[in-house]
Full PDB file with SEQRES, HELIX, SHEET, SSBOND, CRYST1, ORIGX, SCALE, CONECT and MASTER records, all heavy atoms in Angstrom:
SEQRES   1 A   38  ASN ARG ARG GLU GLU ALA ALA PHE ASP VAL TYR VAL GLN          
SEQRES   2 A   38  ASP ARG ASP GLY VAL GLY ASP ASP ALA GLU LEU VAL HIS          
SEQRES   3 A   38  GLU GLY ASP GLY TRP LEU SER VAL ALA GLY TRP SER              
HELIX    1 AA1 GLY A   19  ASP A   21  5                                   3    
SHEET    1 AA1 2 VAL A  10  VAL A  12  0                                        
SHEET    2 AA1 2 GLU A  23  HIS A  26 -1                                        
CRYST1    1.000    1.000    1.000  90.00  90.00  90.00 P 1           1          
ORIGX1      1.000000  0.000000  0.000000        0.00000                         
ORIGX2      0.000000  1.000000  0.000000        0.00000                         
ORIGX3      0.000000  0.000000  1.000000        0.00000                         
SCALE1      1.000000  0.000000  0.000000        0.00000                         
SCALE2      0.000000  1.000000  0.000000        0.00000                         
SCALE3      0.000000  0.000000  1.000000        0.00000                         
ATOM      1  N   ASN A   1     107.551 102.281 112.681  1.00  0.00           N  
ATOM      2  CA  ASN A   1     108.688 101.404 112.967  1.00  0.00           C  
ATOM      3  C   ASN A   1     109.710 101.438 111.871  1.00  0.00           C  
ATOM      4  O   ASN A   1     110.325 100.429 111.526  1.00  0.00           O  
ATOM      5  CB  ASN A   1     108.178  99.981 113.191  1.00  0.00           C  
ATOM      6  CG  ASN A   1     107.475  99.396 111.981  1.00  0.00           C  
ATOM      7  OD1 ASN A   1     107.103 100.107 111.026  1.00  0.00           O  
ATOM      8  ND2 ASN A   1     107.263  98.067 112.011  1.00  0.00           N  
ATOM      9  N   ARG A   2     109.989 102.611 111.340  1.00  0.00           N  
ATOM     10  CA  ARG A   2     110.986 102.769 110.271  1.00  0.00           C  
ATOM     11  C   ARG A   2     112.396 102.355 110.751  1.00  0.00           C  
ATOM     12  O   ARG A   2     113.143 101.728 110.011  1.00  0.00           O  
ATOM     13  CB  ARG A   2     111.072 104.224 109.819  1.00  0.00           C  
ATOM     14  CG  ARG A   2     109.824 104.751 109.138  1.00  0.00           C  
ATOM     15  CD  ARG A   2     110.048 106.208 108.758  1.00  0.00           C  
ATOM     16  NE  ARG A   2     108.882 106.758 108.085  1.00  0.00           N  
ATOM     17  CZ  ARG A   2     108.833 108.013 107.619  1.00  0.00           C  
ATOM     18  NH1 ARG A   2     109.880 108.836 107.779  1.00  0.00           N  
ATOM     19  NH2 ARG A   2     107.748 108.459 107.010  1.00  0.00           N  
ATOM     20  N   ARG A   3     112.746 102.751 111.965  1.00  0.00           N  
ATOM     21  CA  ARG A   3     114.105 102.584 112.453  1.00  0.00           C  
ATOM     22  C   ARG A   3     114.376 101.125 112.840  1.00  0.00           C  
ATOM     23  O   ARG A   3     115.430 100.559 112.605  1.00  0.00           O  
ATOM     24  CB  ARG A   3     114.349 103.479 113.657  1.00  0.00           C  
ATOM     25  CG  ARG A   3     115.723 103.414 114.289  1.00  0.00           C  
ATOM     26  CD  ARG A   3     115.829 104.392 115.463  1.00  0.00           C  
ATOM     27  NE  ARG A   3     114.778 104.197 116.424  1.00  0.00           N  
ATOM     28  CZ  ARG A   3     114.855 103.309 117.445  1.00  0.00           C  
ATOM     29  NH1 ARG A   3     115.939 102.574 117.595  1.00  0.00           N  
ATOM     30  NH2 ARG A   3     113.858 103.187 118.313  1.00  0.00           N  
ATOM     31  N   GLU A   4     113.383 100.487 113.439  1.00  0.00           N  
ATOM     32  CA  GLU A   4     113.497  99.120 113.937  1.00  0.00           C  
ATOM     33  C   GLU A   4     112.115  98.476 113.864  1.00  0.00           C  
ATOM     34  O   GLU A   4     111.175  99.040 114.410  1.00  0.00           O  
ATOM     35  CB  GLU A   4     114.069  99.063 115.349  1.00  0.00           C  
ATOM     36  CG  GLU A   4     114.224  97.676 115.900  1.00  0.00           C  
ATOM     37  CD  GLU A   4     114.711  97.696 117.351  1.00  0.00           C  
ATOM     38  OE1 GLU A   4     115.190  98.736 117.797  1.00  0.00           O  
ATOM     39  OE2 GLU A   4     114.553  96.647 118.021  1.00  0.00           O  
ATOM     40  N   GLU A   5     112.018  97.311 113.224  1.00  0.00           N  
ATOM     41  CA  GLU A   5     110.723  96.744 112.936  1.00  0.00           C  
ATOM     42  C   GLU A   5     109.908  96.486 114.202  1.00  0.00           C  
ATOM     43  O   GLU A   5     108.667  96.620 114.186  1.00  0.00           O  
ATOM     44  CB  GLU A   5     110.851  95.475 112.121  1.00  0.00           C  
ATOM     45  CG  GLU A   5     109.493  94.936 111.635  1.00  0.00           C  
ATOM     46  CD  GLU A   5     109.629  93.924 110.541  1.00  0.00           C  
ATOM     47  OE1 GLU A   5     109.758  92.736 110.860  1.00  0.00           O  
ATOM     48  OE2 GLU A   5     109.616  94.303 109.339  1.00  0.00           O  
ATOM     49  N   ALA A   6     110.534  96.140 115.305  1.00  0.00           N  
ATOM     50  CA  ALA A   6     109.813  95.752 116.510  1.00  0.00           C  
ATOM     51  C   ALA A   6     109.540  96.942 117.434  1.00  0.00           C  
ATOM     52  O   ALA A   6     108.950  96.766 118.500  1.00  0.00           O  
ATOM     53  CB  ALA A   6     110.588  94.703 117.271  1.00  0.00           C  
ATOM     54  N   ALA A   7     109.957  98.179 117.074  1.00  0.00           N  
ATOM     55  CA  ALA A   7     109.755  99.336 117.943  1.00  0.00           C  
ATOM     56  C   ALA A   7     109.206 100.492 117.120  1.00  0.00           C  
ATOM     57  O   ALA A   7     109.517 100.712 115.952  1.00  0.00           O  
ATOM     58  CB  ALA A   7     111.103  99.773 118.553  1.00  0.00           C  
ATOM     59  N   PHE A   8     108.332 101.313 117.770  1.00  0.00           N  
ATOM     60  CA  PHE A   8     107.708 102.443 117.128  1.00  0.00           C  
ATOM     61  C   PHE A   8     108.270 103.735 117.720  1.00  0.00           C  
ATOM     62  O   PHE A   8     108.320 103.894 118.936  1.00  0.00           O  
ATOM     63  CB  PHE A   8     106.178 102.391 117.309  1.00  0.00           C  
ATOM     64  CG  PHE A   8     105.533 101.386 116.402  1.00  0.00           C  
ATOM     65  CD1 PHE A   8     105.502 100.034 116.773  1.00  0.00           C  
ATOM     66  CD2 PHE A   8     104.977 101.763 115.203  1.00  0.00           C  
ATOM     67  CE1 PHE A   8     104.931  99.106 115.931  1.00  0.00           C  
ATOM     68  CE2 PHE A   8     104.402 100.829 114.362  1.00  0.00           C  
ATOM     69  CZ  PHE A   8     104.356  99.514 114.722  1.00  0.00           C  
ATOM     70  N   ASP A   9     108.641 104.627 116.803  1.00  0.00           N  
ATOM     71  CA  ASP A   9     109.093 105.978 117.177  1.00  0.00           C  
ATOM     72  C   ASP A   9     108.007 106.978 116.866  1.00  0.00           C  
ATOM     73  O   ASP A   9     107.084 106.706 116.102  1.00  0.00           O  
ATOM     74  CB  ASP A   9     110.386 106.341 116.409  1.00  0.00           C  
ATOM     75  CG  ASP A   9     111.500 105.363 116.634  1.00  0.00           C  
ATOM     76  OD1 ASP A   9     111.637 104.855 117.769  1.00  0.00           O  
ATOM     77  OD2 ASP A   9     112.271 105.096 115.672  1.00  0.00           O  
ATOM     78  N   VAL A  10     108.137 108.207 117.431  1.00  0.00           N  
ATOM     79  CA  VAL A  10     107.168 109.247 117.209  1.00  0.00           C  
ATOM     80  C   VAL A  10     107.783 110.309 116.267  1.00  0.00           C  
ATOM     81  O   VAL A  10     108.947 110.736 116.473  1.00  0.00           O  
ATOM     82  CB  VAL A  10     106.773 109.943 118.548  1.00  0.00           C  
ATOM     83  CG1 VAL A  10     105.804 111.089 118.297  1.00  0.00           C  
ATOM     84  CG2 VAL A  10     106.165 108.911 119.481  1.00  0.00           C  
ATOM     85  N   TYR A  11     107.030 110.685 115.270  1.00  0.00           N  
ATOM     86  CA  TYR A  11     107.476 111.621 114.238  1.00  0.00           C  
ATOM     87  C   TYR A  11     106.464 112.783 114.146  1.00  0.00           C  
ATOM     88  O   TYR A  11     105.260 112.595 114.359  1.00  0.00           O  
ATOM     89  CB  TYR A  11     107.561 110.966 112.865  1.00  0.00           C  
ATOM     90  CG  TYR A  11     108.607 109.888 112.744  1.00  0.00           C  
ATOM     91  CD1 TYR A  11     108.378 108.582 113.161  1.00  0.00           C  
ATOM     92  CD2 TYR A  11     109.855 110.207 112.149  1.00  0.00           C  
ATOM     93  CE1 TYR A  11     109.340 107.590 113.026  1.00  0.00           C  
ATOM     94  CE2 TYR A  11     110.828 109.201 112.014  1.00  0.00           C  
ATOM     95  CZ  TYR A  11     110.561 107.914 112.456  1.00  0.00           C  
ATOM     96  OH  TYR A  11     111.528 106.941 112.329  1.00  0.00           O  
ATOM     97  N   VAL A  12     106.978 113.942 113.730  1.00  0.00           N  
ATOM     98  CA  VAL A  12     106.141 115.093 113.356  1.00  0.00           C  
ATOM     99  C   VAL A  12     106.609 115.562 111.988  1.00  0.00           C  
ATOM    100  O   VAL A  12     107.812 115.598 111.695  1.00  0.00           O  
ATOM    101  CB  VAL A  12     106.290 116.234 114.392  1.00  0.00           C  
ATOM    102  CG1 VAL A  12     105.587 117.494 113.890  1.00  0.00           C  
ATOM    103  CG2 VAL A  12     105.679 115.816 115.723  1.00  0.00           C  
ATOM    104  N   GLN A  13     105.657 115.892 111.146  1.00  0.00           N  
ATOM    105  CA  GLN A  13     105.963 116.249 109.741  1.00  0.00           C  
ATOM    106  C   GLN A  13     105.111 117.424 109.300  1.00  0.00           C  
ATOM    107  O   GLN A  13     103.948 117.540 109.666  1.00  0.00           O  
ATOM    108  CB  GLN A  13     105.667 115.004 108.859  1.00  0.00           C  
ATOM    109  CG  GLN A  13     106.034 115.193 107.385  1.00  0.00           C  
ATOM    110  CD  GLN A  13     106.004 113.881 106.646  1.00  0.00           C  
ATOM    111  OE1 GLN A  13     106.297 112.817 107.197  1.00  0.00           O  
ATOM    112  NE2 GLN A  13     105.598 113.933 105.375  1.00  0.00           N  
ATOM    113  N   ASP A  14     105.734 118.327 108.532  1.00  0.00           N  
ATOM    114  CA  ASP A  14     104.962 119.391 107.931  1.00  0.00           C  
ATOM    115  C   ASP A  14     104.004 118.849 106.897  1.00  0.00           C  
ATOM    116  O   ASP A  14     104.274 117.830 106.257  1.00  0.00           O  
ATOM    117  CB  ASP A  14     105.918 120.406 107.247  1.00  0.00           C  
ATOM    118  CG  ASP A  14     106.753 121.198 108.234  1.00  0.00           C  
ATOM    119  OD1 ASP A  14     106.371 121.254 109.423  1.00  0.00           O  
ATOM    120  OD2 ASP A  14     107.771 121.750 107.827  1.00  0.00           O  
ATOM    121  N   ARG A  15     102.864 119.503 106.719  1.00  0.00           N  
ATOM    122  CA  ARG A  15     101.805 119.017 105.844  1.00  0.00           C  
ATOM    123  C   ARG A  15     102.298 118.844 104.400  1.00  0.00           C  
ATOM    124  O   ARG A  15     101.802 117.978 103.677  1.00  0.00           O  
ATOM    125  CB  ARG A  15     100.621 119.934 105.838  1.00  0.00           C  
ATOM    126  CG  ARG A  15     100.904 121.390 105.451  1.00  0.00           C  
ATOM    127  CD  ARG A  15      99.664 122.171 105.120  1.00  0.00           C  
ATOM    128  NE  ARG A  15      99.003 121.751 103.909  1.00  0.00           N  
ATOM    129  CZ  ARG A  15      99.422 122.129 102.696  1.00  0.00           C  
ATOM    130  NH1 ARG A  15     100.468 122.885 102.513  1.00  0.00           N  
ATOM    131  NH2 ARG A  15      98.757 121.683 101.634  1.00  0.00           N  
ATOM    132  N   ASP A  16     103.282 119.670 103.969  1.00  0.00           N  
ATOM    133  CA  ASP A  16     103.776 119.564 102.601  1.00  0.00           C  
ATOM    134  C   ASP A  16     105.114 118.813 102.515  1.00  0.00           C  
ATOM    135  O   ASP A  16     105.730 118.776 101.470  1.00  0.00           O  
ATOM    136  CB  ASP A  16     103.905 120.943 101.969  1.00  0.00           C  
ATOM    137  CG  ASP A  16     104.805 121.894 102.781  1.00  0.00           C  
ATOM    138  OD1 ASP A  16     105.250 121.499 103.881  1.00  0.00           O  
ATOM    139  OD2 ASP A  16     105.028 123.029 102.357  1.00  0.00           O  
ATOM    140  N   GLY A  17     105.517 118.211 103.620  1.00  0.00           N  
ATOM    141  CA  GLY A  17     106.725 117.392 103.583  1.00  0.00           C  
ATOM    142  C   GLY A  17     106.434 115.983 103.051  1.00  0.00           C  
ATOM    143  O   GLY A  17     105.263 115.541 103.084  1.00  0.00           O  
ATOM    144  N   VAL A  18     107.468 115.312 102.625  1.00  0.00           N  
ATOM    145  CA  VAL A  18     107.282 113.937 102.129  1.00  0.00           C  
ATOM    146  C   VAL A  18     108.475 113.109 102.602  1.00  0.00           C  
ATOM    147  O   VAL A  18     109.583 113.595 102.785  1.00  0.00           O  
ATOM    148  CB  VAL A  18     107.196 113.849 100.572  1.00  0.00           C  
ATOM    149  CG1 VAL A  18     105.944 114.535 100.080  1.00  0.00           C  
ATOM    150  CG2 VAL A  18     108.412 114.437  99.937  1.00  0.00           C  
ATOM    151  N   GLY A  19     108.217 111.811 102.807  1.00  0.00           N  
ATOM    152  CA  GLY A  19     109.264 110.837 103.066  1.00  0.00           C  
ATOM    153  C   GLY A  19     110.127 111.190 104.265  1.00  0.00           C  
ATOM    154  O   GLY A  19     109.648 111.300 105.404  1.00  0.00           O  
ATOM    155  N   ASP A  20     111.407 111.434 104.020  1.00  0.00           N  
ATOM    156  CA  ASP A  20     112.359 111.686 105.096  1.00  0.00           C  
ATOM    157  C   ASP A  20     112.273 113.095 105.661  1.00  0.00           C  
ATOM    158  O   ASP A  20     113.090 113.461 106.509  1.00  0.00           O  
ATOM    159  CB  ASP A  20     113.775 111.400 104.621  1.00  0.00           C  
ATOM    160  CG  ASP A  20     114.030 109.923 104.354  1.00  0.00           C  
ATOM    161  OD1 ASP A  20     113.400 109.114 105.058  1.00  0.00           O  
ATOM    162  OD2 ASP A  20     114.804 109.584 103.458  1.00  0.00           O  
ATOM    163  N   ASP A  21     111.321 113.904 105.217  1.00  0.00           N  
ATOM    164  CA  ASP A  21     111.122 115.233 105.789  1.00  0.00           C  
ATOM    165  C   ASP A  21     110.583 115.145 107.223  1.00  0.00           C  
ATOM    166  O   ASP A  21     110.582 116.146 107.932  1.00  0.00           O  
ATOM    167  CB  ASP A  21     110.151 116.062 104.932  1.00  0.00           C  
ATOM    168  CG  ASP A  21     110.778 116.414 103.588  1.00  0.00           C  
ATOM    169  OD1 ASP A  21     112.024 116.373 103.467  1.00  0.00           O  
ATOM    170  OD2 ASP A  21     110.008 116.752 102.655  1.00  0.00           O  
ATOM    171  N   ALA A  22     110.073 113.990 107.609  1.00  0.00           N  
ATOM    172  CA  ALA A  22     109.520 113.818 108.946  1.00  0.00           C  
ATOM    173  C   ALA A  22     110.624 113.940 109.986  1.00  0.00           C  
ATOM    174  O   ALA A  22     111.742 113.445 109.820  1.00  0.00           O  
ATOM    175  CB  ALA A  22     108.814 112.500 109.101  1.00  0.00           C  
ATOM    176  N   GLU A  23     110.317 114.618 111.098  1.00  0.00           N  
ATOM    177  CA  GLU A  23     111.260 114.793 112.217  1.00  0.00           C  
ATOM    178  C   GLU A  23     111.018 113.739 113.266  1.00  0.00           C  
ATOM    179  O   GLU A  23     109.891 113.627 113.782  1.00  0.00           O  
ATOM    180  CB  GLU A  23     111.154 116.185 112.796  1.00  0.00           C  
ATOM    181  CG  GLU A  23     112.061 116.410 114.010  1.00  0.00           C  
ATOM    182  CD  GLU A  23     111.799 117.741 114.705  1.00  0.00           C  
ATOM    183  OE1 GLU A  23     110.893 118.467 114.268  1.00  0.00           O  
ATOM    184  OE2 GLU A  23     112.513 118.007 115.700  1.00  0.00           O  
ATOM    185  N   LEU A  24     112.014 112.965 113.610  1.00  0.00           N  
ATOM    186  CA  LEU A  24     111.908 111.994 114.694  1.00  0.00           C  
ATOM    187  C   LEU A  24     112.001 112.759 116.006  1.00  0.00           C  
ATOM    188  O   LEU A  24     113.058 113.336 116.317  1.00  0.00           O  
ATOM    189  CB  LEU A  24     113.003 110.947 114.582  1.00  0.00           C  
ATOM    190  CG  LEU A  24     112.827 109.673 115.431  1.00  0.00           C  
ATOM    191  CD1 LEU A  24     113.692 108.543 114.846  1.00  0.00           C  
ATOM    192  CD2 LEU A  24     113.259 109.916 116.866  1.00  0.00           C  
ATOM    193  N   VAL A  25     110.934 112.776 116.775  1.00  0.00           N  
ATOM    194  CA  VAL A  25     110.915 113.559 118.010  1.00  0.00           C  
ATOM    195  C   VAL A  25     111.041 112.666 119.247  1.00  0.00           C  
ATOM    196  O   VAL A  25     111.253 113.185 120.336  1.00  0.00           O  
ATOM    197  CB  VAL A  25     109.618 114.409 118.122  1.00  0.00           C  
ATOM    198  CG1 VAL A  25     109.617 115.481 117.011  1.00  0.00           C  
ATOM    199  CG2 VAL A  25     108.361 113.543 118.037  1.00  0.00           C  
ATOM    200  N   HIS A  26     110.880 111.378 119.108  1.00  0.00           N  
ATOM    201  CA  HIS A  26     111.100 110.468 120.234  1.00  0.00           C  
ATOM    202  C   HIS A  26     111.370 109.079 119.735  1.00  0.00           C  
ATOM    203  O   HIS A  26     110.626 108.555 118.902  1.00  0.00           O  
ATOM    204  CB  HIS A  26     109.887 110.419 121.160  1.00  0.00           C  
ATOM    205  CG  HIS A  26     110.050 109.455 122.279  1.00  0.00           C  
ATOM    206  ND1 HIS A  26     110.902 109.638 123.342  1.00  0.00           N  
ATOM    207  CD2 HIS A  26     109.475 108.191 122.481  1.00  0.00           C  
ATOM    208  CE1 HIS A  26     110.855 108.582 124.138  1.00  0.00           C  
ATOM    209  NE2 HIS A  26     109.998 107.704 123.644  1.00  0.00           N  
ATOM    210  N   GLU A  27     112.439 108.454 120.220  1.00  0.00           N  
ATOM    211  CA  GLU A  27     112.752 107.094 119.901  1.00  0.00           C  
ATOM    212  C   GLU A  27     112.096 106.186 120.938  1.00  0.00           C  
ATOM    213  O   GLU A  27     112.331 106.319 122.145  1.00  0.00           O  
ATOM    214  CB  GLU A  27     114.258 106.836 119.877  1.00  0.00           C  
ATOM    215  CG  GLU A  27     114.951 107.413 118.679  1.00  0.00           C  
ATOM    216  CD  GLU A  27     116.406 106.896 118.527  1.00  0.00           C  
ATOM    217  OE1 GLU A  27     116.787 106.000 119.352  1.00  0.00           O  
ATOM    218  OE2 GLU A  27     117.090 107.339 117.637  1.00  0.00           O  
ATOM    219  N   GLY A  28     111.295 105.223 120.470  1.00  0.00           N  
ATOM    220  CA  GLY A  28     110.606 104.321 121.361  1.00  0.00           C  
ATOM    221  C   GLY A  28     111.283 102.953 121.366  1.00  0.00           C  
ATOM    222  O   GLY A  28     112.170 102.673 120.561  1.00  0.00           O  
ATOM    223  N   ASP A  29     110.821 102.095 122.254  1.00  0.00           N  
ATOM    224  CA  ASP A  29     111.349 100.751 122.313  1.00  0.00           C  
ATOM    225  C   ASP A  29     110.212  99.731 122.440  1.00  0.00           C  
ATOM    226  O   ASP A  29     110.436  98.643 122.924  1.00  0.00           O  
ATOM    227  CB  ASP A  29     112.361 100.585 123.450  1.00  0.00           C  
ATOM    228  CG  ASP A  29     111.751 100.872 124.806  1.00  0.00           C  
ATOM    229  OD1 ASP A  29     110.548 101.183 124.856  1.00  0.00           O  
ATOM    230  OD2 ASP A  29     112.486 100.784 125.817  1.00  0.00           O  
ATOM    231  N   GLY A  30     109.034 100.123 122.024  1.00  0.00           N  
ATOM    232  CA  GLY A  30     107.879  99.234 122.109  1.00  0.00           C  
ATOM    233  C   GLY A  30     106.763  99.665 121.201  1.00  0.00           C  
ATOM    234  O   GLY A  30     106.993 100.341 120.185  1.00  0.00           O  
ATOM    235  N   TRP A  31     105.551  99.272 121.577  1.00  0.00           N  
ATOM    236  CA  TRP A  31     104.344  99.521 120.730  1.00  0.00           C  
ATOM    237  C   TRP A  31     103.775 100.855 121.142  1.00  0.00           C  
ATOM    238  O   TRP A  31     102.905 100.982 121.985  1.00  0.00           O  
ATOM    239  CB  TRP A  31     103.348  98.395 120.994  1.00  0.00           C  
ATOM    240  CG  TRP A  31     102.123  98.418 120.132  1.00  0.00           C  
ATOM    241  CD1 TRP A  31     100.971  98.997 120.425  1.00  0.00           C  
ATOM    242  CD2 TRP A  31     101.951  97.804 118.854  1.00  0.00           C  
ATOM    243  NE1 TRP A  31     100.056  98.807 119.398  1.00  0.00           N  
ATOM    244  CE2 TRP A  31     100.641  98.083 118.435  1.00  0.00           C  
ATOM    245  CE3 TRP A  31     102.793  97.063 118.010  1.00  0.00           C  
ATOM    246  CZ2 TRP A  31     100.161  97.638 117.205  1.00  0.00           C  
ATOM    247  CZ3 TRP A  31     102.298  96.613 116.797  1.00  0.00           C  
ATOM    248  CH2 TRP A  31     100.994  96.903 116.406  1.00  0.00           C  
ATOM    249  N   LEU A  32     104.249 101.924 120.497  1.00  0.00           N  
ATOM    250  CA  LEU A  32     103.815 103.283 120.765  1.00  0.00           C  
ATOM    251  C   LEU A  32     102.815 103.757 119.719  1.00  0.00           C  
ATOM    252  O   LEU A  32     102.894 103.381 118.531  1.00  0.00           O  
ATOM    253  CB  LEU A  32     104.985 104.267 120.762  1.00  0.00           C  
ATOM    254  CG  LEU A  32     106.094 104.038 121.788  1.00  0.00           C  
ATOM    255  CD1 LEU A  32     107.114 105.198 121.710  1.00  0.00           C  
ATOM    256  CD2 LEU A  32     105.575 103.913 123.193  1.00  0.00           C  
ATOM    257  N   SER A  33     101.881 104.576 120.144  1.00  0.00           N  
ATOM    258  CA  SER A  33     101.013 105.283 119.211  1.00  0.00           C  
ATOM    259  C   SER A  33     100.783 106.700 119.739  1.00  0.00           C  
ATOM    260  O   SER A  33     100.999 106.950 120.934  1.00  0.00           O  
ATOM    261  CB  SER A  33      99.659 104.553 119.051  1.00  0.00           C  
ATOM    262  OG  SER A  33      99.028 104.376 120.320  1.00  0.00           O  
ATOM    263  N   VAL A  34     100.389 107.613 118.881  1.00  0.00           N  
ATOM    264  CA  VAL A  34     100.169 108.988 119.244  1.00  0.00           C  
ATOM    265  C   VAL A  34      98.652 109.214 119.315  1.00  0.00           C  
ATOM    266  O   VAL A  34      97.902 108.861 118.426  1.00  0.00           O  
ATOM    267  CB  VAL A  34     100.795 109.934 118.225  1.00  0.00           C  
ATOM    268  CG1 VAL A  34     100.555 111.391 118.636  1.00  0.00           C  
ATOM    269  CG2 VAL A  34     102.298 109.676 118.101  1.00  0.00           C  
ATOM    270  N   ALA A  35      98.213 109.820 120.444  1.00  0.00           N  
ATOM    271  CA  ALA A  35      96.759 109.965 120.679  1.00  0.00           C  
ATOM    272  C   ALA A  35      96.291 111.400 120.624  1.00  0.00           C  
ATOM    273  O   ALA A  35      95.186 111.674 121.090  1.00  0.00           O  
ATOM    274  CB  ALA A  35      96.427 109.334 122.043  1.00  0.00           C  
ATOM    275  N   GLY A  36      97.088 112.321 120.075  1.00  0.00           N  
ATOM    276  CA  GLY A  36      96.558 113.658 119.836  1.00  0.00           C  
ATOM    277  C   GLY A  36      97.437 114.784 120.403  1.00  0.00           C  
ATOM    278  O   GLY A  36      98.187 114.601 121.355  1.00  0.00           O  
ATOM    279  N   TRP A  37      97.248 115.956 119.763  1.00  0.00           N  
ATOM    280  CA  TRP A  37      97.962 117.165 120.145  1.00  0.00           C  
ATOM    281  C   TRP A  37      97.225 117.887 121.271  1.00  0.00           C  
ATOM    282  O   TRP A  37      95.989 117.887 121.314  1.00  0.00           O  
ATOM    283  CB  TRP A  37      98.062 118.110 118.982  1.00  0.00           C  
ATOM    284  CG  TRP A  37      98.821 117.574 117.794  1.00  0.00           C  
ATOM    285  CD1 TRP A  37      98.426 116.567 116.966  1.00  0.00           C  
ATOM    286  CD2 TRP A  37     100.095 118.032 117.320  1.00  0.00           C  
ATOM    287  NE1 TRP A  37      99.368 116.376 115.976  1.00  0.00           N  
ATOM    288  CE2 TRP A  37     100.392 117.266 116.180  1.00  0.00           C  
ATOM    289  CE3 TRP A  37     100.966 119.026 117.703  1.00  0.00           C  
ATOM    290  CZ2 TRP A  37     101.544 117.428 115.415  1.00  0.00           C  
ATOM    291  CZ3 TRP A  37     102.154 119.220 116.974  1.00  0.00           C  
ATOM    292  CH2 TRP A  37     102.414 118.436 115.847  1.00  0.00           C  
ATOM    293  N   SER A  38      97.988 118.514 122.148  1.00  0.00           N  
ATOM    294  CA  SER A  38      97.372 119.368 123.193  1.00  0.00           C  
ATOM    295  C   SER A  38      96.704 120.569 122.561  1.00  0.00           C  
ATOM    296  O   SER A  38      97.012 120.948 121.409  1.00  0.00           O  
ATOM    297  CB  SER A  38      98.419 119.816 124.183  1.00  0.00           C  
ATOM    298  OG  SER A  38      99.367 120.660 123.577  1.00  0.00           O  
TER     299      SER A  38                                                      
MASTER        0    0    0    1    2    0    0    6  298    1    0    3          
END                                                                             
């Protein structure tokens, strides 16, 4: 919920990235969680 405290977005990050190196891949508007890669 970096962007908005009440909403969760989805991010992907390289293993050696830090902080803002994460890529925002989907903007959410609720209580989202990620349940695994295909």
